[in-house]
Amino acid sequence: MRSAEKNSGGPRLVVDEASFDFRGLSDAQIEHHLDELNETLRTLRAEDRFGVACAPMWDAVKCLDDCELYQFLCGEYSSNVDRDTLLLSHTQLS
């Protein structure tokens, strides 16, 4: 994820890996929440008032019992979540 260093003196948002525990959610709920995350990150970056950072190793977090987040976002794990939503999420977090 882009470094928050350019706003080193200002507020920043840190996305914790626990935010990506999808267990117990339907594909529709996951897609809805990822769409909200994507829009929120886009808005924060556009305002250029907040640095946005993600915890190291975010992509290796288990989002489902048998799936790591990178597998889910890259489509290696079968789901009905929109492909564009997944790719945008991966791009926003990288």
Protein backbone atom coordinates (compact mmCIF):
# COMPACT_ATOMS: atom_id res chain seq x y z
CA MET A 1 0.00 0.00 0.00
CA ARG A 2 1.20 3.50 -0.64
CA SER A 3 3.25 4.90 2.16
CA ALA A 4 1.70 7.35 4.58
CA GLU A 5 5.03 9.17 4.84
CA LYS A 6 4.03 12.17 2.73
CA ASN A 7 1.51 13.05 5.45
CA SER A 8 3.84 12.03 8.24
CA GLY A 9 2.69 14.86 10.48
CA GLY A 10 -1.02 14.48 9.80
CA PRO A 11 -3.71 11.94 10.52
CA ARG A 12 -3.59 8.56 8.82
CA LEU A 13 -5.79 5.54 8.43
CA VAL A 14 -4.34 2.11 9.14
CA VAL A 15 -6.26 -0.89 7.84
CA ASP A 16 -5.78 -3.80 10.25
CA GLU A 17 -5.66 -7.32 8.86
CA ALA A 18 -8.46 -8.44 11.21
CA SER A 19 -10.76 -6.33 9.03
CA PHE A 20 -10.55 -9.04 6.39
CA ASP A 21 -12.12 -11.93 8.29
CA PHE A 22 -14.88 -12.93 5.88
CA ARG A 23 -16.00 -16.01 7.81
CA GLY A 24 -19.77 -16.09 8.27
CA LEU A 25 -20.43 -13.58 5.47
CA SER A 26 -22.18 -14.32 2.18
CA ASP A 27 -20.52 -13.40 -1.11
CA ALA A 28 -23.03 -10.54 -1.46
CA GLN A 29 -22.04 -9.17 1.96
CA ILE A 30 -18.33 -9.49 1.19
CA GLU A 31 -18.81 -7.66 -2.12
CA HIS A 32 -20.78 -4.89 -0.40
CA HIS A 33 -18.11 -4.37 2.26
CA LEU A 34 -15.26 -4.46 -0.26
CA ASP A 35 -17.10 -1.89 -2.41
CA GLU A 36 -17.44 0.35 0.66
CA LEU A 37 -13.75 -0.09 1.50
CA ASN A 38 -12.75 0.74 -2.09
CA GLU A 39 -14.88 3.89 -2.13
CA THR A 40 -13.65 4.99 1.29
CA LEU A 41 -9.99 4.55 0.33
CA ARG A 42 -10.55 6.35 -2.97
CA THR A 43 -12.22 9.27 -1.20
CA LEU A 44 -9.52 9.54 1.49
CA ARG A 45 -6.75 9.53 -1.10
CA ALA A 46 -8.56 12.09 -3.26
CA GLU A 47 -8.92 14.46 -0.31
CA ASP A 48 -5.17 14.10 0.25
CA ARG A 49 -5.61 14.89 3.94
CA PHE A 50 -4.99 11.38 5.21
CA GLY A 51 -2.17 8.96 4.73
CA VAL A 52 -3.44 5.42 4.22
CA ALA A 53 -1.43 2.40 5.30
CA CYS A 54 -2.09 -1.30 5.56
CA ALA A 55 -0.59 -3.71 8.06
CA PRO A 56 2.43 -5.64 6.76
CA MET A 57 1.63 -9.06 5.34
CA TRP A 58 -2.04 -8.11 4.85
CA ASP A 59 -2.24 -10.38 1.83
CA ALA A 60 -1.27 -13.52 3.78
CA VAL A 61 -4.10 -13.13 6.30
CA LYS A 62 -6.65 -15.93 6.34
CA CYS A 63 -9.92 -14.35 5.24
CA LEU A 64 -11.68 -17.73 5.16
CA ASP A 65 -10.73 -21.00 6.82
CA ASP A 66 -8.99 -22.34 3.72
CA CYS A 67 -8.12 -19.12 1.88
CA GLU A 68 -5.67 -16.26 2.28
CA LEU A 69 -6.72 -12.76 1.28
CA TYR A 70 -4.46 -12.58 -1.78
CA GLN A 71 -5.99 -15.85 -3.06
CA PHE A 72 -9.47 -14.41 -2.61
CA LEU A 73 -8.72 -11.05 -4.23
CA CYS A 74 -6.85 -12.61 -7.16
CA GLY A 75 -9.70 -15.00 -7.93
CA GLU A 76 -7.86 -18.17 -6.93
CA TYR A 77 -10.71 -18.94 -4.54
CA SER A 78 -14.08 -19.51 -6.17
CA SER A 79 -16.70 -16.94 -5.16
CA ASN A 80 -19.52 -14.91 -6.67
CA VAL A 81 -17.93 -11.59 -5.71
CA ASP A 82 -17.61 -9.33 -8.76
CA ARG A 83 -14.19 -9.67 -10.39
CA ASP A 84 -13.82 -5.88 -10.76
CA THR A 85 -14.49 -5.40 -7.05
CA LEU A 86 -11.82 -7.97 -6.20
CA LEU A 87 -9.24 -6.42 -8.53
CA LEU A 88 -9.93 -2.90 -7.31
CA SER A 89 -9.58 -4.07 -3.70
CA HIS A 90 -6.26 -5.72 -4.48
CA THR A 91 -5.03 -2.57 -6.23
CA GLN A 92 -6.20 -0.29 -3.42
CA LEU A 93 -4.40 -2.38 -0.80
CA SER A 94 -1.18 -2.97 -2.71
